[in-house]
Protein backbone atom coordinates (compact mmCIF):
# COMPACT_ATOMS: atom_id res chain seq x y z
CA MET A 1 -15.66 25.91 14.69
CA ALA A 2 -13.48 23.63 12.00
CA THR A 3 -12.37 27.14 10.47
CA ALA A 4 -11.86 29.08 13.24
CA ARG A 5 -9.19 26.10 14.23
CA LEU A 6 -8.05 26.03 10.77
CA ALA A 7 -7.38 29.62 11.39
CA GLY A 8 -5.89 29.46 15.02
CA ALA A 9 -3.57 26.78 13.42
CA LEU A 10 -2.07 29.13 10.99
CA VAL A 11 -1.75 32.11 13.16
CA LEU A 12 0.44 29.34 15.43
CA CYS A 13 2.09 27.54 12.54
CA VAL A 14 3.08 31.66 11.29
CA VAL A 15 4.16 32.65 14.99
CA PHE A 16 6.11 29.78 14.71
CA MET A 17 7.81 30.67 11.77
CA ILE A 18 8.82 34.37 13.54
CA SER A 19 10.93 32.25 16.21
CA THR A 20 13.01 29.63 14.25
CA VAL A 21 14.07 32.31 11.98
CA PRO A 22 15.64 35.40 13.92
CA GLU A 23 18.55 37.85 12.54
CA ALA A 24 20.41 39.24 15.27
CA LYS A 25 22.65 40.46 12.42
CA ALA A 26 25.91 41.78 13.48
CA GLU A 27 28.26 44.03 11.51
CA GLY A 28 29.36 41.88 8.94
CA GLU A 29 27.63 38.71 9.61
CA PRO A 30 25.39 36.73 7.01
CA ASP A 31 21.71 36.18 8.08
CA GLY A 32 21.72 32.81 9.70
CA SER A 33 24.87 32.82 11.22
CA GLY A 34 25.89 30.99 14.57
CA GLN A 35 26.62 35.00 16.06
CA MET A 36 23.05 35.65 15.17
CA PHE A 37 21.56 32.48 16.95
CA ASP A 38 24.20 32.58 20.39
CA THR A 39 22.05 35.79 20.80
CA ILE A 40 18.63 34.57 21.37
CA ALA A 41 19.47 30.78 22.16
CA ALA A 42 18.25 31.23 26.19
CA SER A 43 15.15 31.93 25.19
CA TYR A 44 14.88 29.23 21.80
CA ASP A 45 13.06 26.73 23.16
CA MET A 46 10.53 28.32 25.62
CA LEU A 47 9.38 30.66 22.65
CA ASN A 48 8.83 27.75 20.63
CA LYS A 49 6.78 25.39 22.86
CA ILE A 50 4.89 28.39 24.19
CA ILE A 51 3.64 29.91 21.12
CA SER A 52 3.30 26.91 18.86
CA LEU A 53 1.59 25.08 21.68
CA GLY A 54 3.89 22.08 21.41
CA ARG A 55 3.24 21.63 17.46
CA ASP A 56 7.17 22.12 17.21
CA GLU A 57 7.56 18.58 18.80
CA ALA A 58 5.29 16.96 16.36
CA TRP A 59 6.80 17.96 13.43
CA ARG A 60 9.64 16.94 14.13
CA LEU A 61 8.29 13.82 15.21
CA ASP A 62 7.03 13.53 11.64
CA ALA A 63 9.81 14.52 10.02
CA ILE A 64 11.58 11.28 12.16
CA ALA A 65 9.44 8.93 11.25
CA GLU A 66 9.96 9.40 7.41
CA LEU A 67 13.34 7.96 7.94
CA HIS A 68 11.60 4.61 8.20
CA MET A 69 14.50 3.49 10.04
CA ASN A 70 13.14 0.84 11.92
CA GLU A 71 13.29 -1.02 8.33
CA PHE A 72 16.14 -0.71 7.98
CA LEU A 73 17.26 -1.55 11.30
CA ALA A 74 15.57 -5.09 11.41
CA ASP A 75 18.36 -5.85 8.59
CA VAL A 76 21.22 -4.48 10.68
CA ASP A 77 23.28 -6.83 13.18
CA PRO A 78 24.07 -4.32 16.26
CA ALA A 79 26.94 -6.52 16.97
CA VAL A 80 29.31 -5.71 14.07
CA GLU A 81 27.71 -2.51 12.39
CA THR A 82 26.67 1.06 13.65
CA VAL A 83 24.11 3.13 12.23
CA ARG A 84 24.76 6.59 11.92
CA VAL A 85 22.77 9.82 11.86
CA LEU A 86 23.44 13.28 11.48
CA ASP A 87 21.50 15.77 12.24
CA VAL A 88 22.41 19.51 10.50
CA ALA A 89 21.86 22.43 12.21
CA THR A 90 21.10 20.87 15.19
CA GLY A 91 20.02 23.67 16.95
CA THR A 92 19.44 22.65 20.99
CA ALA A 93 19.49 19.35 19.82
CA ASP A 94 15.94 18.09 19.99
CA VAL A 95 15.77 16.01 16.83
CA ALA A 96 18.97 14.43 17.52
CA ILE A 97 17.92 13.40 21.25
CA ALA A 98 14.22 12.53 19.62
CA VAL A 99 16.28 9.81 17.21
CA ALA A 100 18.28 8.30 19.64
CA ALA A 101 15.34 8.06 22.38
CA SER A 102 12.94 6.54 19.90
CA THR A 103 15.77 3.92 18.45
CA PRO A 104 18.03 1.11 19.92
CA PRO A 105 21.57 1.44 21.66
CA HIS A 106 23.32 1.14 18.20
CA VAL A 107 22.61 3.63 16.63
CA VAL A 108 24.26 6.91 16.85
CA ILE A 109 23.84 10.87 16.69
CA ASP A 110 26.35 13.66 15.73
CA GLY A 111 24.57 17.14 15.48
CA ILE A 112 26.55 19.93 14.19
CA ASP A 113 25.72 23.91 14.41
CA PRO A 114 27.49 27.01 14.09
CA SER A 115 26.03 28.21 17.22
CA ILE A 116 27.95 27.46 20.20
CA ASN A 117 25.30 28.66 22.67
CA MET A 118 22.26 26.87 20.88
CA LEU A 119 24.88 23.73 21.69
CA ASP A 120 25.90 24.27 25.18
CA LEU A 121 22.03 24.05 25.89
CA GLY A 122 21.93 20.82 23.75
CA ARG A 123 24.69 19.16 25.44
CA GLU A 124 22.82 19.64 28.45
CA LYS A 125 19.58 18.58 27.45
CA VAL A 126 21.63 15.58 25.96
CA ALA A 127 23.15 14.91 29.40
CA ALA A 128 19.87 15.21 31.33
CA ALA A 129 18.38 12.28 28.63
CA GLY A 130 21.32 10.30 29.33
CA LEU A 131 22.60 10.05 26.01
CA ARG A 132 26.26 11.30 25.49
CA ASP A 133 27.17 7.72 24.63
CA ARG A 134 25.35 8.33 21.89
CA VAL A 135 24.67 12.11 20.64
CA THR A 136 27.80 14.21 20.19
CA LEU A 137 27.39 18.03 19.25
CA GLN A 138 30.02 19.97 17.61
CA VAL A 139 30.40 23.29 16.15
CA ALA A 140 30.32 23.43 12.63
CA GLN A 141 29.25 24.73 9.09
CA SER A 142 26.69 22.81 6.68
CA GLU A 143 29.09 24.08 4.02
CA MET A 144 31.86 21.98 5.38
CA LEU A 145 31.36 18.97 7.03
CA PRO A 146 33.81 17.92 9.32
CA PHE A 147 33.26 14.24 8.26
CA GLU A 148 34.35 11.60 5.47
CA ASP A 149 32.31 10.29 2.33
CA GLU A 150 29.07 8.46 2.83
CA THR A 151 29.72 8.69 6.65
CA PHE A 152 26.06 8.58 7.31
CA ASP A 153 23.06 6.28 6.95
CA PHE A 154 20.29 8.88 7.97
CA VAL A 155 20.39 12.83 7.44
CA THR A 156 17.99 15.43 9.01
CA VAL A 157 17.63 19.22 8.76
CA SER A 158 14.83 20.94 10.59
CA PHE A 159 14.31 24.16 10.04
CA GLY A 160 17.85 24.96 9.04
CA VAL A 161 18.22 25.22 5.41
CA ARG A 162 17.12 28.70 4.96
CA ASN A 163 20.43 30.06 6.50
CA PHE A 164 22.98 27.60 4.69
CA ARG A 165 25.21 30.69 3.96
CA ASP A 166 25.50 28.92 0.92
CA ARG A 167 22.53 26.80 -0.25
CA LEU A 168 24.18 24.64 -2.77
CA LYS A 169 27.38 24.07 -1.08
CA GLY A 170 25.60 23.07 2.07
CA LEU A 171 23.17 20.26 0.14
CA GLY A 172 25.73 19.26 -1.30
CA GLU A 173 28.70 18.29 1.48
CA ILE A 174 25.20 16.49 2.53
CA ALA A 175 25.39 14.60 -0.15
CA ARG A 176 28.75 13.66 0.16
CA VAL A 177 28.38 12.41 3.54
CA LEU A 178 24.70 10.42 3.04
CA LYS A 179 25.85 6.63 2.13
CA ARG A 180 24.48 5.17 -1.15
CA HIS A 181 22.69 2.18 0.13
CA SER A 182 19.09 1.98 -1.24
CA ARG A 183 17.21 3.05 2.54
CA ALA A 184 19.79 6.07 2.93
CA ARG A 185 17.74 9.28 3.43
CA LEU A 186 17.91 13.01 3.93
CA VAL A 187 14.57 13.94 5.49
CA ILE A 188 13.94 18.21 5.72
CA LEU A 189 11.88 19.91 7.29
CA GLU A 190 11.78 23.15 6.27
CA LEU A 191 9.32 26.65 6.51
CA SER A 192 8.43 29.19 3.26
CA GLU A 193 6.13 31.37 1.89
CA PRO A 194 2.67 29.74 1.40
CA THR A 195 1.32 29.98 -1.96
CA ASP A 196 -1.26 27.44 -2.23
CA GLY A 197 -4.61 26.38 -0.90
CA TRP A 198 -7.16 29.16 0.72
CA LEU A 199 -5.83 30.06 3.49
CA ALA A 200 -2.26 31.04 1.96
CA PRO A 201 -3.59 34.55 1.40
CA LEU A 202 -4.33 34.79 5.22
CA ALA A 203 -0.91 33.31 6.15
CA ARG A 204 0.90 35.94 3.89
CA PHE A 205 -0.97 38.50 5.77
CA PHE A 206 0.38 37.62 9.15
CA ILE A 207 3.99 37.03 7.67
CA HIS A 208 4.24 40.45 5.72
CA ASP A 209 2.09 42.64 8.13
CA ILE A 210 1.31 41.04 11.29
CA MET A 211 4.07 39.17 11.99
CA PRO A 212 6.97 42.10 12.76
CA PHE A 213 4.35 43.44 15.33
CA VAL A 214 3.57 40.27 17.04
CA ALA A 215 7.97 39.61 16.98
CA GLY A 216 8.45 42.28 19.18
CA ILE A 217 5.81 41.86 21.86
CA ILE A 218 6.98 38.18 22.17
CA SER A 219 10.68 37.88 21.41
CA ASN A 220 12.10 40.69 23.46
CA HIS A 221 14.37 40.94 20.27
CA PRO A 222 11.97 42.59 17.65
CA LYS A 223 15.84 43.62 15.86
CA GLU A 224 16.67 39.98 15.89
CA TYR A 225 13.77 38.83 13.80
CA ARG A 226 13.22 41.11 10.75
CA TYR A 227 14.87 38.32 8.46
CA LEU A 228 11.84 36.05 9.12
CA GLN A 229 9.94 37.47 6.20
CA GLN A 230 12.64 37.71 3.50
CA SER A 231 14.26 34.24 4.29
CA LEU A 232 10.47 32.94 3.68
CA GLU A 233 10.12 34.97 0.84
CA ALA A 234 13.43 33.83 -0.47
CA PHE A 235 12.84 30.12 0.08
CA PRO A 236 12.31 28.20 -3.19
CA GLN A 237 9.32 26.58 -3.84
CA PRO A 238 9.48 22.74 -3.84
CA HIS A 239 9.84 22.58 -7.26
CA LYS A 240 12.52 24.57 -7.41
CA PHE A 241 14.11 23.41 -4.46
CA GLY A 242 13.71 20.00 -6.09
CA GLU A 243 16.18 21.37 -8.73
CA ILE A 244 18.33 22.46 -6.46
CA LEU A 245 18.76 19.23 -4.62
CA ASN A 246 18.97 18.24 -8.10
CA ASP A 247 22.26 20.16 -8.60
CA ALA A 248 23.54 19.03 -5.25
CA GLY A 249 23.42 15.58 -5.83
CA LEU A 250 20.21 14.43 -4.48
CA VAL A 251 16.80 13.78 -5.69
CA MET A 252 13.56 14.51 -4.09
CA VAL A 253 11.14 11.30 -3.27
CA SER A 254 8.21 13.19 -2.01
CA HIS A 255 6.88 16.42 -0.37
CA ARG A 256 4.00 17.31 1.95
CA ARG A 257 2.99 20.59 4.11
CA LEU A 258 2.35 19.26 7.68
CA ALA A 259 -0.67 21.43 7.86
CA PRO A 260 -3.77 21.59 6.13
CA PHE A 261 -4.93 23.90 3.10
CA GLY A 262 -1.28 24.82 2.48
CA ALA A 263 -0.72 26.43 6.00
CA GLY A 264 1.77 24.70 7.82
CA PRO A 265 6.09 23.49 7.32
CA ASP A 266 7.32 21.70 4.46
CA LEU A 267 8.43 18.28 4.76
CA PHE A 268 11.19 16.71 1.87
CA VAL A 269 11.84 13.35 1.94
CA VAL A 270 15.59 13.18 -0.43
CA ARG A 271 17.03 10.46 -1.38
CA LYS A 272 21.48 10.41 -3.26
CA LEU A 273 21.24 10.49 -6.66
CA VAL A 274 23.35 7.57 -8.50
CA PRO A 275 25.34 8.94 -11.37
CA MET A 276 23.17 7.80 -14.13
CA GLN A 277 20.60 9.73 -12.35
CA THR A 278 22.63 12.76 -12.29
CA GLU A 279 22.46 12.87 -16.39
CA ASN A 280 18.64 13.32 -16.12
CA ALA A 281 17.27 14.78 -13.00
CA LYS A 282 13.54 14.91 -14.33
CA GLU A 283 13.85 11.01 -14.92
CA ALA A 284 15.26 10.45 -11.45
CA GLN A 285 12.83 12.11 -9.78
CA GLU A 286 9.87 9.85 -11.99
CA SER A 287 11.97 6.89 -11.09
CA ALA A 288 12.37 7.26 -7.17
CA GLY A 289 8.15 7.79 -7.70
CA ILE A 290 8.21 11.59 -6.33
CA ARG A 291 4.77 12.67 -5.15
CA ASP A 292 3.87 16.22 -4.31
CA GLU A 293 1.02 16.20 -1.36
CA LEU A 294 0.30 19.66 -0.90
């Protein structure tokens, strides 16, 4: 019974991967473009909820919990200081809304995304939640964030780093706008091809052989989802991703998967490198207490 449940969870996770990385690639458009996501915006939320049985929401809440915002907010005087959060690749603003709903009014959230249609839907959801005074959404690329240096106390990216046009530049921009205080954090929720755990071979089988067929049935956009396999396969494993983070001026504090036996999405907790740490990224990771909880 337990094995059957795990296998079922794996299927849901893999099918969810299908919905989070489409490929509606127009002529001359790179994978992960705003135009690409514009084509599936109308059905994006519904598909995620149905095929993941709501697990996408739980994964996002797990990511938000890793910000440990309450510890920081306990030391902030709301009368004199506003706490700012940036949600990169915000899509339809699920994370931005969840952060606002779980924090006091002096926490404000900016969400950026390259997809106009996704943001339009996000604004409708923000208005329905009564959060227009706290959540602001705008069209922008991760590689060119329209904010001053060290603007944000916290940054989140959920299922978006794989779609950065220039991953190093996008992460470098996040490092630029993230503040330097000791509790400032970046949390990344991402999908990659499973390599560890006894369910990993089954996961790869679904990704490489079953996924194209399933995508055509449930999405009604079979051509838009062919990018999935390549993006998962190309996304670096945690150790290599840690090196990319270091090159961008960041350091990975922890990593774990949100499903057992290597079958779920990756959750990375990241901080900004201080100048002396940049000279030796490996020592920086060790001093930050990096742990790998696969």
